[in-house]
C-alpha cells in the first residue's frame, strides 16, 4: 500500500511547496536543468538525483541507462535558481515479485525506484534493506559534498562525478 501512496504524497508535497500559502506567494523561477551521474567513471543507471535549493522546493530526476537525468519540481520541468545541495542514491532494484511475462511500465519503474530510495534513506544500521550501489554518503545533503549553482540563462547541465 505504501508503495502506491508514497509517490502521491511526494508529488502532493512538492505541489504544495510550489503553490505556497494562500497569500498569493509567487512561484520560484524554474529553469531547465539536468546532467549525468558517473561513479568511478561509469554512468549510473536508475539513480535518484535530488537538488535541494536554498530558496525553493526540491527537484528530482532519475538517471537513464546512460546516466543522464532531467530535473523536475513536482510535475513542472526545471529547478529553482540559486545554490543547491545535491544528493544521489542508487540501490539494487527489488526483484521480488517480478513476472517474466511483461515488461514493467515507466511509471512502475519510477515508483519502484522511489520506494527503494525511500527505504534506503530510512533504513536503520543492521536492518538489511536495499543495498546501495554507490557510497552511502551521497544519500544525504550534509555528507554528499555535492553542491551546484543553478543559473537563469545558463545550460545547467551538471556532470556529477562520484568516487
C-alpha atoms as a PDB file:
ATOM      1  CA  UNK A   1       0.000   0.000   0.000  1.00  0.00           C
ATOM      2  CA  UNK A   2       2.784   2.437   0.958  1.00  0.00           C
ATOM      3  CA  UNK A   3       4.431   1.904  -2.435  1.00  0.00           C
ATOM      4  CA  UNK A   4       1.303   3.316  -4.069  1.00  0.00           C
ATOM      5  CA  UNK A   5       0.866   6.151  -1.581  1.00  0.00           C
ATOM      6  CA  UNK A   6       4.450   7.487  -1.230  1.00  0.00           C
ATOM      7  CA  UNK A   7       4.841   8.885  -4.798  1.00  0.00           C
ATOM      8  CA  UNK A   8       1.456  10.584  -4.456  1.00  0.00           C
ATOM      9  CA  UNK A   9       2.408  12.095  -1.112  1.00  0.00           C
ATOM     10  CA  UNK A  10       5.745  13.267  -2.515  1.00  0.00           C
ATOM     11  CA  UNK A  11       4.071  14.851  -5.554  1.00  0.00           C
ATOM     12  CA  UNK A  12       1.416  16.499  -3.383  1.00  0.00           C
ATOM     13  CA  UNK A  13       4.086  17.865  -1.041  1.00  0.00           C
ATOM     14  CA  UNK A  14       6.072  19.285  -3.932  1.00  0.00           C
ATOM     15  CA  UNK A  15       2.946  20.815  -5.434  1.00  0.00           C
ATOM     16  CA  UNK A  16       2.028  22.372  -2.080  1.00  0.00           C
ATOM     17  CA  UNK A  17       5.536  23.791  -1.754  1.00  0.00           C
ATOM     18  CA  UNK A  18       5.219  25.335  -5.205  1.00  0.00           C
ATOM     19  CA  UNK A  19       1.822  26.848  -4.534  1.00  0.00           C
ATOM     20  CA  UNK A  20       2.790  28.131  -1.087  1.00  0.00           C
ATOM     21  CA  UNK A  21       0.367  29.767   1.269  1.00  0.00           C
ATOM     22  CA  UNK A  22      -2.902  31.249   0.168  1.00  0.00           C
ATOM     23  CA  UNK A  23      -1.388  34.744   0.445  1.00  0.00           C
ATOM     24  CA  UNK A  24      -0.615  34.670  -3.287  1.00  0.00           C
ATOM     25  CA  UNK A  25       3.078  33.790  -2.937  1.00  0.00           C
ATOM     26  CA  UNK A  26       4.785  33.704  -6.324  1.00  0.00           C
ATOM     27  CA  UNK A  27       6.213  30.516  -7.768  1.00  0.00           C
ATOM     28  CA  UNK A  28      10.012  30.378  -7.752  1.00  0.00           C
ATOM     29  CA  UNK A  29      11.821  30.861 -11.035  1.00  0.00           C
ATOM     30  CA  UNK A  30      12.363  27.396 -12.507  1.00  0.00           C
ATOM     31  CA  UNK A  31      14.905  26.754 -15.237  1.00  0.00           C
ATOM     32  CA  UNK A  32      15.623  23.600 -17.251  1.00  0.00           C
ATOM     33  CA  UNK A  33      18.426  21.515 -15.752  1.00  0.00           C
ATOM     34  CA  UNK A  34      19.867  18.024 -15.817  1.00  0.00           C
ATOM     35  CA  UNK A  35      23.116  16.244 -16.371  1.00  0.00           C
ATOM     36  CA  UNK A  36      24.864  12.930 -15.967  1.00  0.00           C
ATOM     37  CA  UNK A  37      25.884  10.832 -12.966  1.00  0.00           C
ATOM     38  CA  UNK A  38      29.043   8.720 -13.060  1.00  0.00           C
ATOM     39  CA  UNK A  39      30.565   6.510 -10.388  1.00  0.00           C
ATOM     40  CA  UNK A  40      34.262   5.740 -10.830  1.00  0.00           C
ATOM     41  CA  UNK A  41      33.971   6.979 -14.427  1.00  0.00           C
ATOM     42  CA  UNK A  42      30.989   4.799 -15.425  1.00  0.00           C
ATOM     43  CA  UNK A  43      27.402   6.033 -15.929  1.00  0.00           C
ATOM     44  CA  UNK A  44      24.981   5.148 -13.129  1.00  0.00           C
ATOM     45  CA  UNK A  45      21.589   3.930 -14.359  1.00  0.00           C
ATOM     46  CA  UNK A  46      18.480   4.171 -12.174  1.00  0.00           C
ATOM     47  CA  UNK A  47      19.944   6.641  -9.662  1.00  0.00           C
ATOM     48  CA  UNK A  48      17.716   9.190  -7.966  1.00  0.00           C
ATOM     49  CA  UNK A  49      19.174  12.714  -8.085  1.00  0.00           C
ATOM     50  CA  UNK A  50      17.736  15.404  -5.796  1.00  0.00           C
ATOM     51  CA  UNK A  51      18.578  19.131  -5.976  1.00  0.00           C
ATOM     52  CA  UNK A  52      17.748  20.964  -2.743  1.00  0.00           C
ATOM     53  CA  UNK A  53      17.714  24.728  -3.413  1.00  0.00           C
ATOM     54  CA  UNK A  54      18.411  27.239  -0.638  1.00  0.00           C
ATOM     55  CA  UNK A  55      15.315  29.161  -1.744  1.00  0.00           C
ATOM     56  CA  UNK A  56      12.688  26.934  -3.301  1.00  0.00           C
ATOM     57  CA  UNK A  57      11.223  23.455  -3.417  1.00  0.00           C
ATOM     58  CA  UNK A  58      13.320  20.398  -4.140  1.00  0.00           C
ATOM     59  CA  UNK A  59      13.675  18.992  -7.640  1.00  0.00           C
ATOM     60  CA  UNK A  60      14.473  15.460  -8.654  1.00  0.00           C
ATOM     61  CA  UNK A  61      15.120  13.110 -11.509  1.00  0.00           C
ATOM     62  CA  UNK A  62      16.066   9.520 -12.269  1.00  0.00           C
ATOM     63  CA  UNK A  63      19.018   8.595 -14.455  1.00  0.00           C
ATOM     64  CA  UNK A  64      18.523   6.605 -17.640  1.00  0.00           C
ATOM     65  CA  UNK A  65      20.768   3.778 -18.857  1.00  0.00           C
ATOM     66  CA  UNK A  66      23.453   6.286 -19.900  1.00  0.00           C
ATOM     67  CA  UNK A  67      23.393   8.048 -16.501  1.00  0.00           C
ATOM     68  CA  UNK A  68      21.550  11.123 -17.824  1.00  0.00           C
ATOM     69  CA  UNK A  69      18.793  12.865 -15.857  1.00  0.00           C
ATOM     70  CA  UNK A  70      16.385  15.780 -16.231  1.00  0.00           C
ATOM     71  CA  UNK A  71      15.154  17.643 -13.155  1.00  0.00           C
ATOM     72  CA  UNK A  72      11.503  18.257 -12.279  1.00  0.00           C
ATOM     73  CA  UNK A  73       9.997  20.219  -9.420  1.00  0.00           C
ATOM     74  CA  UNK A  74       6.774  18.368  -8.714  1.00  0.00           C
ATOM     75  CA  UNK A  75       5.191  17.983 -12.135  1.00  0.00           C
ATOM     76  CA  UNK A  76       6.947  21.041 -13.576  1.00  0.00           C
ATOM     77  CA  UNK A  77      10.134  20.829 -15.638  1.00  0.00           C
ATOM     78  CA  UNK A  78      13.132  22.509 -14.040  1.00  0.00           C
ATOM     79  CA  UNK A  79      14.644  23.539 -10.738  1.00  0.00           C
ATOM     80  CA  UNK A  80      14.694  26.764  -8.710  1.00  0.00           C
ATOM     81  CA  UNK A  81      17.503  29.222  -9.494  1.00  0.00           C
ATOM     82  CA  UNK A  82      20.269  29.532  -6.893  1.00  0.00           C
ATOM     83  CA  UNK A  83      22.601  27.452  -4.742  1.00  0.00           C
ATOM     84  CA  UNK A  84      21.568  23.807  -4.410  1.00  0.00           C
ATOM     85  CA  UNK A  85      22.793  20.940  -2.290  1.00  0.00           C
ATOM     86  CA  UNK A  86      22.598  17.625  -4.140  1.00  0.00           C
ATOM     87  CA  UNK A  87      22.003  14.021  -3.155  1.00  0.00           C
ATOM     88  CA  UNK A  88      22.337  10.869  -5.231  1.00  0.00           C
ATOM     89  CA  UNK A  89      21.030   7.437  -4.314  1.00  0.00           C
ATOM     90  CA  UNK A  90      21.387   4.234  -6.258  1.00  0.00           C
ATOM     91  CA  UNK A  91      20.142   0.988  -4.770  1.00  0.00           C
ATOM     92  CA  UNK A  92      19.807  -2.556  -6.014  1.00  0.00           C
ATOM     93  CA  UNK A  93      16.435  -2.974  -7.715  1.00  0.00           C
ATOM     94  CA  UNK A  94      13.789  -5.037  -5.949  1.00  0.00           C
ATOM     95  CA  UNK A  95      13.406  -8.208  -7.975  1.00  0.00           C
ATOM     96  CA  UNK A  96      10.806  -9.792  -5.695  1.00  0.00           C
ATOM     97  CA  UNK A  97       7.504 -10.479  -7.355  1.00  0.00           C
ATOM     98  CA  UNK A  98       8.900  -9.804 -10.821  1.00  0.00           C
ATOM     99  CA  UNK A  99       6.988 -11.572 -13.550  1.00  0.00           C
ATOM    100  CA  UNK A 100       8.769 -12.621 -16.686  1.00  0.00           C
ATOM    101  CA  UNK A 101       5.677 -12.230 -18.860  1.00  0.00           C
ATOM    102  CA  UNK A 102       5.602  -8.481 -19.427  1.00  0.00           C
ATOM    103  CA  UNK A 103       7.952  -5.521 -19.159  1.00  0.00           C
ATOM    104  CA  UNK A 104       7.147  -3.045 -16.379  1.00  0.00           C
ATOM    105  CA  UNK A 105       5.853   0.356 -17.424  1.00  0.00           C
ATOM    106  CA  UNK A 106       7.923   3.514 -16.952  1.00  0.00           C
ATOM    107  CA  UNK A 107       5.566   4.584 -14.159  1.00  0.00           C
ATOM    108  CA  UNK A 108       6.039   1.209 -12.412  1.00  0.00           C
ATOM    109  CA  UNK A 109       9.827   1.538 -12.672  1.00  0.00           C
ATOM    110  CA  UNK A 110       9.769   5.107 -11.301  1.00  0.00           C
ATOM    111  CA  UNK A 111       7.533   4.031  -8.421  1.00  0.00           C
ATOM    112  CA  UNK A 112       9.845   1.114  -7.564  1.00  0.00           C
ATOM    113  CA  UNK A 113      12.939   3.366  -7.659  1.00  0.00           C
ATOM    114  CA  UNK A 114      11.292   5.989  -5.436  1.00  0.00           C
ATOM    115  CA  UNK A 115      10.214   3.287  -2.952  1.00  0.00           C
ATOM    116  CA  UNK A 116      13.681   1.696  -2.931  1.00  0.00           C
ATOM    117  CA  UNK A 117      15.285   5.107  -2.367  1.00  0.00           C
ATOM    118  CA  UNK A 118      12.838   5.920   0.465  1.00  0.00           C
ATOM    119  CA  UNK A 119      13.523   2.525   2.084  1.00  0.00           C
ATOM    120  CA  UNK A 120      17.272   3.054   1.759  1.00  0.00           C
ATOM    121  CA  UNK A 121      17.246   6.547   3.285  1.00  0.00           C
ATOM    122  CA  UNK A 122      15.055   5.428   6.205  1.00  0.00           C
ATOM    123  CA  UNK A 123      16.895   2.168   6.941  1.00  0.00           C
ATOM    124  CA  UNK A 124      18.490   1.645  10.306  1.00  0.00           C
ATOM    125  CA  UNK A 125      22.002   0.151  10.641  1.00  0.00           C
ATOM    126  CA  UNK A 126      21.890  -3.624  10.532  1.00  0.00           C
ATOM    127  CA  UNK A 127      18.276  -3.696   9.320  1.00  0.00           C
ATOM    128  CA  UNK A 128      19.047  -5.112   5.889  1.00  0.00           C
ATOM    129  CA  UNK A 129      17.003  -3.401   3.230  1.00  0.00           C
ATOM    130  CA  UNK A 130      18.173  -2.318  -0.208  1.00  0.00           C
ATOM    131  CA  UNK A 131      21.913  -2.329  -0.833  1.00  0.00           C
ATOM    132  CA  UNK A 132      23.491   0.911  -2.001  1.00  0.00           C
ATOM    133  CA  UNK A 133      25.393   0.679  -5.283  1.00  0.00           C
ATOM    134  CA  UNK A 134      27.362   3.866  -4.523  1.00  0.00           C
ATOM    135  CA  UNK A 135      28.880   5.161  -1.251  1.00  0.00           C
ATOM    136  CA  UNK A 136      26.066   5.948   1.193  1.00  0.00           C
ATOM    137  CA  UNK A 137      27.431   9.416   1.997  1.00  0.00           C
ATOM    138  CA  UNK A 138      25.904  10.678  -1.282  1.00  0.00           C
ATOM    139  CA  UNK A 139      22.367   9.951   0.020  1.00  0.00           C
ATOM    140  CA  UNK A 140      22.338  12.901   2.450  1.00  0.00           C
ATOM    141  CA  UNK A 141      22.792  16.586   1.671  1.00  0.00           C
ATOM    142  CA  UNK A 142      25.001  17.152   4.722  1.00  0.00           C
ATOM    143  CA  UNK A 143      27.500  14.435   3.786  1.00  0.00           C
ATOM    144  CA  UNK A 144      27.348  14.272  -0.025  1.00  0.00           C
ATOM    145  CA  UNK A 145      29.755  17.147  -0.597  1.00  0.00           C
ATOM    146  CA  UNK A 146      27.777  17.925  -3.753  1.00  0.00           C
ATOM    147  CA  UNK A 147      26.502  21.421  -4.466  1.00  0.00           C
ATOM    148  CA  UNK A 148      25.861  23.365  -7.648  1.00  0.00           C
ATOM    149  CA  UNK A 149      24.664  26.806  -8.669  1.00  0.00           C
ATOM    150  CA  UNK A 150      21.635  26.841 -10.964  1.00  0.00           C
ATOM    151  CA  UNK A 151      21.572  29.987 -13.089  1.00  0.00           C
ATOM    152  CA  UNK A 152      18.943  31.601 -15.260  1.00  0.00           C
ATOM    153  CA  UNK A 153      20.065  31.604 -18.903  1.00  0.00           C
ATOM    154  CA  UNK A 154      22.832  29.017 -18.328  1.00  0.00           C
ATOM    155  CA  UNK A 155      22.884  25.473 -19.785  1.00  0.00           C
ATOM    156  CA  UNK A 156      22.589  23.978 -16.246  1.00  0.00           C
ATOM    157  CA  UNK A 157      23.940  20.589 -17.309  1.00  0.00           C
ATOM    158  CA  UNK A 158      25.802  19.099 -14.362  1.00  0.00           C
ATOM    159  CA  UNK A 159      28.415  16.321 -14.515  1.00  0.00           C
ATOM    160  CA  UNK A 160      28.161  14.591 -11.145  1.00  0.00           C
ATOM    161  CA  UNK A 161      31.294  12.514 -10.617  1.00  0.00           C
ATOM    162  CA  UNK A 162      31.140  10.150  -7.644  1.00  0.00           C
ATOM    163  CA  UNK A 163      34.050   8.143  -6.286  1.00  0.00           C
END
